[in-house]
């Protein structure tokens, strides 16, 4: 049985001639396996996070579409031409809504 060096800790350990796949001592192999379990759990956690974020993205897209539709109507409703008795306020509100519309356009 040859004596080989562990690739992780450098300690020597015995392995059978047909066990060339054994590159770690028993303690390092156990640590490595535990680490892989941790990586698998982390991967599953991240996959769940991706699914959650995709759902949130769909909801945000729906809300943004609704906001754009409502904004279109608000611009129509407050336009100074439609509010001759309140031209100054209608103009300011229309300008503010156009700024909001531009910001929404940048998000989408």
N, C-alpha and C. Protein backbone atom coordinates (compact mmCIF):
# COMPACT_ATOMS: atom_id res chain seq x y z
N UNK A 1 0.85 -1.17 0.00
CA UNK A 1 0.00 0.00 0.00
C UNK A 1 0.90 1.25 0.00
N UNK A 2 0.75 2.10 -1.04
CA UNK A 2 1.61 3.27 -1.09
C UNK A 2 1.16 4.38 -0.15
N UNK A 3 2.11 5.12 0.28
CA UNK A 3 1.89 6.28 1.13
C UNK A 3 1.85 7.49 0.21
N UNK A 4 0.76 8.30 0.29
CA UNK A 4 0.63 9.48 -0.58
C UNK A 4 0.34 10.70 0.27
N UNK A 5 0.54 11.87 -0.34
CA UNK A 5 0.35 13.13 0.36
C UNK A 5 -1.04 13.70 0.05
N UNK A 6 -1.73 14.13 1.10
CA UNK A 6 -3.06 14.74 0.97
C UNK A 6 -2.93 16.08 0.24
N UNK A 7 -3.79 16.31 -0.75
CA UNK A 7 -3.71 17.56 -1.52
C UNK A 7 -4.16 18.78 -0.71
N UNK A 8 -4.87 18.55 0.40
CA UNK A 8 -5.35 19.68 1.21
C UNK A 8 -4.40 20.02 2.35
N UNK A 9 -4.08 19.05 3.18
CA UNK A 9 -3.30 19.35 4.39
C UNK A 9 -1.82 18.96 4.26
N UNK A 10 -1.49 18.14 3.27
CA UNK A 10 -0.09 17.73 3.08
C UNK A 10 0.33 16.54 3.90
N UNK A 11 -0.56 16.06 4.77
CA UNK A 11 -0.23 14.88 5.57
C UNK A 11 -0.22 13.64 4.68
N UNK A 12 0.58 12.68 5.08
CA UNK A 12 0.64 11.43 4.32
C UNK A 12 -0.43 10.47 4.81
N UNK A 13 -0.96 9.68 3.88
CA UNK A 13 -1.94 8.64 4.23
C UNK A 13 -1.75 7.47 3.28
N UNK A 14 -2.26 6.32 3.74
CA UNK A 14 -2.14 5.08 2.94
C UNK A 14 -3.34 4.93 2.03
N UNK A 15 -3.07 4.45 0.82
CA UNK A 15 -4.16 4.09 -0.09
C UNK A 15 -3.74 2.86 -0.89
N UNK A 16 -4.72 2.12 -1.34
CA UNK A 16 -4.47 0.92 -2.15
C UNK A 16 -3.98 1.34 -3.54
N UNK A 17 -3.23 0.47 -4.20
CA UNK A 17 -2.71 0.82 -5.53
C UNK A 17 -3.81 1.16 -6.55
N UNK A 18 -4.99 0.56 -6.40
CA UNK A 18 -6.08 0.83 -7.36
C UNK A 18 -6.98 2.00 -6.91
N UNK A 19 -6.56 2.75 -5.90
CA UNK A 19 -7.35 3.87 -5.39
C UNK A 19 -6.69 5.22 -5.71
N UNK A 20 -6.29 5.37 -6.95
CA UNK A 20 -5.61 6.62 -7.34
C UNK A 20 -6.53 7.83 -7.22
N UNK A 21 -7.82 7.58 -7.17
CA UNK A 21 -8.79 8.67 -7.02
C UNK A 21 -8.78 9.26 -5.61
N UNK A 22 -8.22 8.53 -4.66
CA UNK A 22 -8.12 9.06 -3.28
C UNK A 22 -6.97 10.05 -3.23
N UNK A 23 -7.30 11.31 -3.09
CA UNK A 23 -6.27 12.36 -3.07
C UNK A 23 -6.26 13.11 -1.73
N UNK A 24 -7.21 12.79 -0.87
CA UNK A 24 -7.30 13.45 0.44
C UNK A 24 -7.25 12.40 1.55
N UNK A 25 -6.69 12.81 2.69
CA UNK A 25 -6.74 11.96 3.87
C UNK A 25 -8.19 11.91 4.35
N UNK A 26 -8.50 11.00 5.24
CA UNK A 26 -9.87 10.81 5.69
C UNK A 26 -10.46 12.08 6.32
N UNK A 27 -9.68 12.76 7.16
CA UNK A 27 -10.20 13.98 7.80
C UNK A 27 -10.51 15.06 6.76
N UNK A 28 -9.60 15.28 5.80
CA UNK A 28 -9.82 16.31 4.77
C UNK A 28 -10.97 15.91 3.85
N UNK A 29 -11.09 14.61 3.58
CA UNK A 29 -12.19 14.14 2.73
C UNK A 29 -13.52 14.43 3.42
N UNK A 30 -13.61 14.19 4.73
CA UNK A 30 -14.84 14.49 5.48
C UNK A 30 -15.14 15.99 5.43
N UNK A 31 -14.11 16.81 5.63
CA UNK A 31 -14.30 18.27 5.57
C UNK A 31 -14.76 18.69 4.17
N UNK A 32 -14.15 18.09 3.16
CA UNK A 32 -14.50 18.41 1.78
C UNK A 32 -15.96 18.05 1.48
N UNK A 33 -16.37 16.88 1.92
CA UNK A 33 -17.76 16.45 1.70
C UNK A 33 -18.73 17.37 2.43
N UNK A 34 -18.39 17.76 3.64
CA UNK A 34 -19.25 18.67 4.40
C UNK A 34 -19.35 20.00 3.68
N UNK A 35 -18.25 20.46 3.12
CA UNK A 35 -18.25 21.71 2.35
C UNK A 35 -19.11 21.62 1.12
N UNK A 36 -19.09 20.48 0.45
CA UNK A 36 -19.94 20.29 -0.73
C UNK A 36 -21.40 20.32 -0.35
N UNK A 37 -21.73 19.76 0.79
CA UNK A 37 -23.11 19.81 1.27
C UNK A 37 -23.53 21.24 1.51
N UNK A 38 -22.61 22.02 2.07
CA UNK A 38 -22.88 23.43 2.29
C UNK A 38 -23.06 24.18 0.98
N UNK A 39 -22.25 23.82 -0.01
CA UNK A 39 -22.37 24.46 -1.32
C UNK A 39 -23.69 24.09 -1.99
N UNK A 40 -24.09 22.84 -1.84
CA UNK A 40 -25.36 22.42 -2.43
C UNK A 40 -26.52 23.17 -1.79
N UNK A 41 -26.49 23.31 -0.48
CA UNK A 41 -27.55 24.04 0.22
C UNK A 41 -27.55 25.50 -0.21
N UNK A 42 -26.36 26.09 -0.37
CA UNK A 42 -26.27 27.50 -0.81
C UNK A 42 -26.79 27.65 -2.23
N UNK A 43 -26.48 26.69 -3.09
CA UNK A 43 -26.98 26.72 -4.47
C UNK A 43 -28.50 26.66 -4.48
N UNK A 44 -29.08 25.78 -3.68
CA UNK A 44 -30.54 25.68 -3.60
C UNK A 44 -31.14 26.98 -3.08
N UNK A 45 -30.48 27.60 -2.11
CA UNK A 45 -30.94 28.87 -1.57
C UNK A 45 -30.92 29.96 -2.64
N UNK A 46 -29.85 29.99 -3.42
CA UNK A 46 -29.73 30.99 -4.48
C UNK A 46 -30.74 30.75 -5.61
N UNK A 47 -31.00 29.49 -5.92
CA UNK A 47 -32.01 29.18 -6.93
C UNK A 47 -33.38 29.66 -6.47
N UNK A 48 -33.68 29.48 -5.19
CA UNK A 48 -34.94 29.98 -4.64
C UNK A 48 -35.02 31.49 -4.72
N UNK A 49 -33.90 32.16 -4.47
CA UNK A 49 -33.84 33.62 -4.55
C UNK A 49 -34.08 34.10 -5.98
N UNK A 50 -33.51 33.38 -6.94
CA UNK A 50 -33.72 33.73 -8.35
C UNK A 50 -35.21 33.62 -8.71
N UNK A 51 -35.85 32.57 -8.28
CA UNK A 51 -37.28 32.38 -8.55
C UNK A 51 -38.08 33.51 -7.91
N UNK A 52 -37.75 33.86 -6.65
CA UNK A 52 -38.45 34.95 -5.97
C UNK A 52 -38.26 36.26 -6.71
N UNK A 53 -37.04 36.54 -7.15
CA UNK A 53 -36.76 37.79 -7.86
C UNK A 53 -37.46 37.83 -9.23
N UNK A 54 -37.55 36.68 -9.90
CA UNK A 54 -38.26 36.65 -11.17
C UNK A 54 -39.74 36.95 -10.98
N UNK A 55 -40.34 36.40 -9.93
CA UNK A 55 -41.75 36.70 -9.63
C UNK A 55 -41.92 38.18 -9.30
N UNK A 56 -41.02 38.71 -8.49
CA UNK A 56 -41.08 40.12 -8.13
C UNK A 56 -40.94 41.00 -9.37
N UNK A 57 -40.08 40.60 -10.28
CA UNK A 57 -39.88 41.35 -11.51
C UNK A 57 -41.16 41.38 -12.35
N UNK A 58 -41.87 40.26 -12.42
CA UNK A 58 -43.14 40.21 -13.16
C UNK A 58 -44.15 41.16 -12.52
N UNK A 59 -44.25 41.13 -11.18
CA UNK A 59 -45.18 42.03 -10.48
C UNK A 59 -44.82 43.49 -10.69
N UNK A 60 -43.54 43.80 -10.64
CA UNK A 60 -43.11 45.18 -10.85
C UNK A 60 -43.41 45.63 -12.28
N UNK A 61 -43.22 44.74 -13.22
CA UNK A 61 -43.53 45.06 -14.61
C UNK A 61 -45.03 45.34 -14.78
N UNK A 62 -45.86 44.53 -14.13
CA UNK A 62 -47.31 44.76 -14.19
C UNK A 62 -47.67 46.10 -13.57
N UNK A 63 -47.09 46.42 -12.43
CA UNK A 63 -47.38 47.69 -11.76
C UNK A 63 -46.88 48.87 -12.58
N UNK A 64 -45.75 48.72 -13.20
CA UNK A 64 -45.21 49.78 -14.04
C UNK A 64 -46.11 50.03 -15.25
N UNK A 65 -46.61 48.97 -15.83
CA UNK A 65 -47.54 49.10 -16.97
C UNK A 65 -48.81 49.82 -16.52
N UNK A 66 -49.33 49.46 -15.36
CA UNK A 66 -50.52 50.12 -14.83
C UNK A 66 -50.23 51.61 -14.57
N UNK A 67 -49.08 51.89 -14.00
CA UNK A 67 -48.70 53.27 -13.72
C UNK A 67 -48.61 54.09 -15.01
N UNK A 68 -48.04 53.50 -16.05
CA UNK A 68 -47.95 54.20 -17.33
C UNK A 68 -49.33 54.50 -17.91
N UNK A 69 -50.23 53.54 -17.80
CA UNK A 69 -51.60 53.74 -18.29
C UNK A 69 -52.30 54.86 -17.52
N UNK A 70 -52.18 54.85 -16.21
CA UNK A 70 -52.81 55.89 -15.38
C UNK A 70 -52.18 57.25 -15.63
N UNK A 71 -50.89 57.26 -15.84
CA UNK A 71 -50.18 58.51 -16.10
C UNK A 71 -50.65 59.13 -17.42
N UNK A 72 -50.85 58.29 -18.40
CA UNK A 72 -51.35 58.76 -19.69
C UNK A 72 -52.69 59.49 -19.52
N UNK A 73 -53.59 58.88 -18.73
CA UNK A 73 -54.90 59.52 -18.49
C UNK A 73 -54.74 60.81 -17.69
N UNK A 74 -53.88 60.79 -16.67
CA UNK A 74 -53.68 61.99 -15.86
C UNK A 74 -53.14 63.15 -16.70
N UNK A 75 -52.20 62.86 -17.59
CA UNK A 75 -51.69 63.91 -18.48
C UNK A 75 -52.82 64.48 -19.34
N UNK A 76 -53.67 63.62 -19.83
CA UNK A 76 -54.82 64.06 -20.62
C UNK A 76 -55.75 64.93 -19.77
N UNK A 77 -56.01 64.49 -18.53
CA UNK A 77 -56.98 65.17 -17.67
C UNK A 77 -56.51 66.53 -17.16
N UNK A 78 -55.21 66.67 -16.87
CA UNK A 78 -54.75 67.93 -16.29
C UNK A 78 -54.13 68.88 -17.30
N UNK A 79 -54.10 68.53 -18.54
CA UNK A 79 -53.48 69.39 -19.56
C UNK A 79 -54.10 70.79 -19.50
N UNK A 80 -53.28 71.84 -19.65
CA UNK A 80 -53.79 73.22 -19.56
C UNK A 80 -54.93 73.51 -20.54
N UNK A 81 -54.93 72.90 -21.71
CA UNK A 81 -56.00 73.13 -22.68
C UNK A 81 -57.36 72.63 -22.15
N UNK A 82 -57.31 71.65 -21.26
CA UNK A 82 -58.56 71.10 -20.71
C UNK A 82 -58.97 71.81 -19.42
N UNK A 83 -58.08 72.66 -18.90
CA UNK A 83 -58.34 73.35 -17.63
C UNK A 83 -58.07 74.86 -17.78
N UNK A 84 -58.85 75.54 -18.61
CA UNK A 84 -58.58 76.96 -18.89
C UNK A 84 -58.68 77.85 -17.65
N UNK A 85 -59.44 77.47 -16.65
CA UNK A 85 -59.56 78.29 -15.44
C UNK A 85 -58.39 78.12 -14.49
N UNK A 86 -57.53 77.14 -14.73
CA UNK A 86 -56.40 76.83 -13.84
C UNK A 86 -55.14 76.57 -14.67
N UNK A 87 -54.85 77.44 -15.59
CA UNK A 87 -53.76 77.21 -16.54
C UNK A 87 -52.41 77.05 -15.83
N UNK A 88 -52.10 77.91 -14.87
CA UNK A 88 -50.80 77.85 -14.20
C UNK A 88 -50.64 76.53 -13.44
N UNK A 89 -51.64 76.15 -12.65
CA UNK A 89 -51.58 74.90 -11.89
C UNK A 89 -51.57 73.70 -12.83
N UNK A 90 -52.38 73.76 -13.89
CA UNK A 90 -52.42 72.67 -14.86
C UNK A 90 -51.08 72.52 -15.56
N UNK A 91 -50.44 73.64 -15.89
CA UNK A 91 -49.13 73.60 -16.55
C UNK A 91 -48.08 72.98 -15.62
N UNK A 92 -48.03 73.43 -14.37
CA UNK A 92 -47.07 72.88 -13.41
C UNK A 92 -47.29 71.38 -13.20
N UNK A 93 -48.56 70.99 -13.07
CA UNK A 93 -48.87 69.58 -12.84
C UNK A 93 -48.51 68.75 -14.07
N UNK A 94 -48.80 69.27 -15.25
CA UNK A 94 -48.45 68.56 -16.49
C UNK A 94 -46.95 68.40 -16.60
N UNK A 95 -46.20 69.45 -16.28
CA UNK A 95 -44.73 69.36 -16.33
C UNK A 95 -44.21 68.32 -15.33
N UNK A 96 -44.80 68.31 -14.14
CA UNK A 96 -44.38 67.34 -13.13
C UNK A 96 -44.67 65.91 -13.61
N UNK A 97 -45.86 65.71 -14.17
CA UNK A 97 -46.23 64.39 -14.68
C UNK A 97 -45.32 63.97 -15.83
N UNK A 98 -44.91 64.90 -16.67
CA UNK A 98 -43.99 64.57 -17.76
C UNK A 98 -42.62 64.15 -17.22
N UNK A 99 -42.20 64.76 -16.11
CA UNK A 99 -40.95 64.35 -15.46
C UNK A 99 -41.09 62.92 -14.92
N UNK A 100 -42.22 62.65 -14.29
CA UNK A 100 -42.49 61.29 -13.79
C UNK A 100 -42.48 60.30 -14.96
N UNK A 101 -43.12 60.68 -16.05
CA UNK A 101 -43.18 59.81 -17.23
C UNK A 101 -41.77 59.51 -17.76
N UNK A 102 -40.91 60.52 -17.78
CA UNK A 102 -39.54 60.33 -18.24
C UNK A 102 -38.79 59.38 -17.31
N UNK A 103 -38.99 59.53 -16.00
CA UNK A 103 -38.35 58.63 -15.05
C UNK A 103 -38.83 57.19 -15.24
N UNK A 104 -40.11 57.02 -15.47
CA UNK A 104 -40.66 55.68 -15.72
C UNK A 104 -40.06 55.09 -16.98
N UNK A 105 -39.91 55.93 -17.98
CA UNK A 105 -39.33 55.46 -19.26
C UNK A 105 -37.90 54.95 -19.03
N UNK A 106 -37.16 55.61 -18.13
CA UNK A 106 -35.81 55.17 -17.85
C UNK A 106 -35.77 53.84 -17.12
N UNK A 107 -36.77 53.56 -16.29
CA UNK A 107 -36.84 52.29 -15.54
C UNK A 107 -37.20 51.14 -16.46
N UNK A 108 -37.99 51.40 -17.46
CA UNK A 108 -38.59 50.33 -18.26
C UNK A 108 -37.83 50.06 -19.47
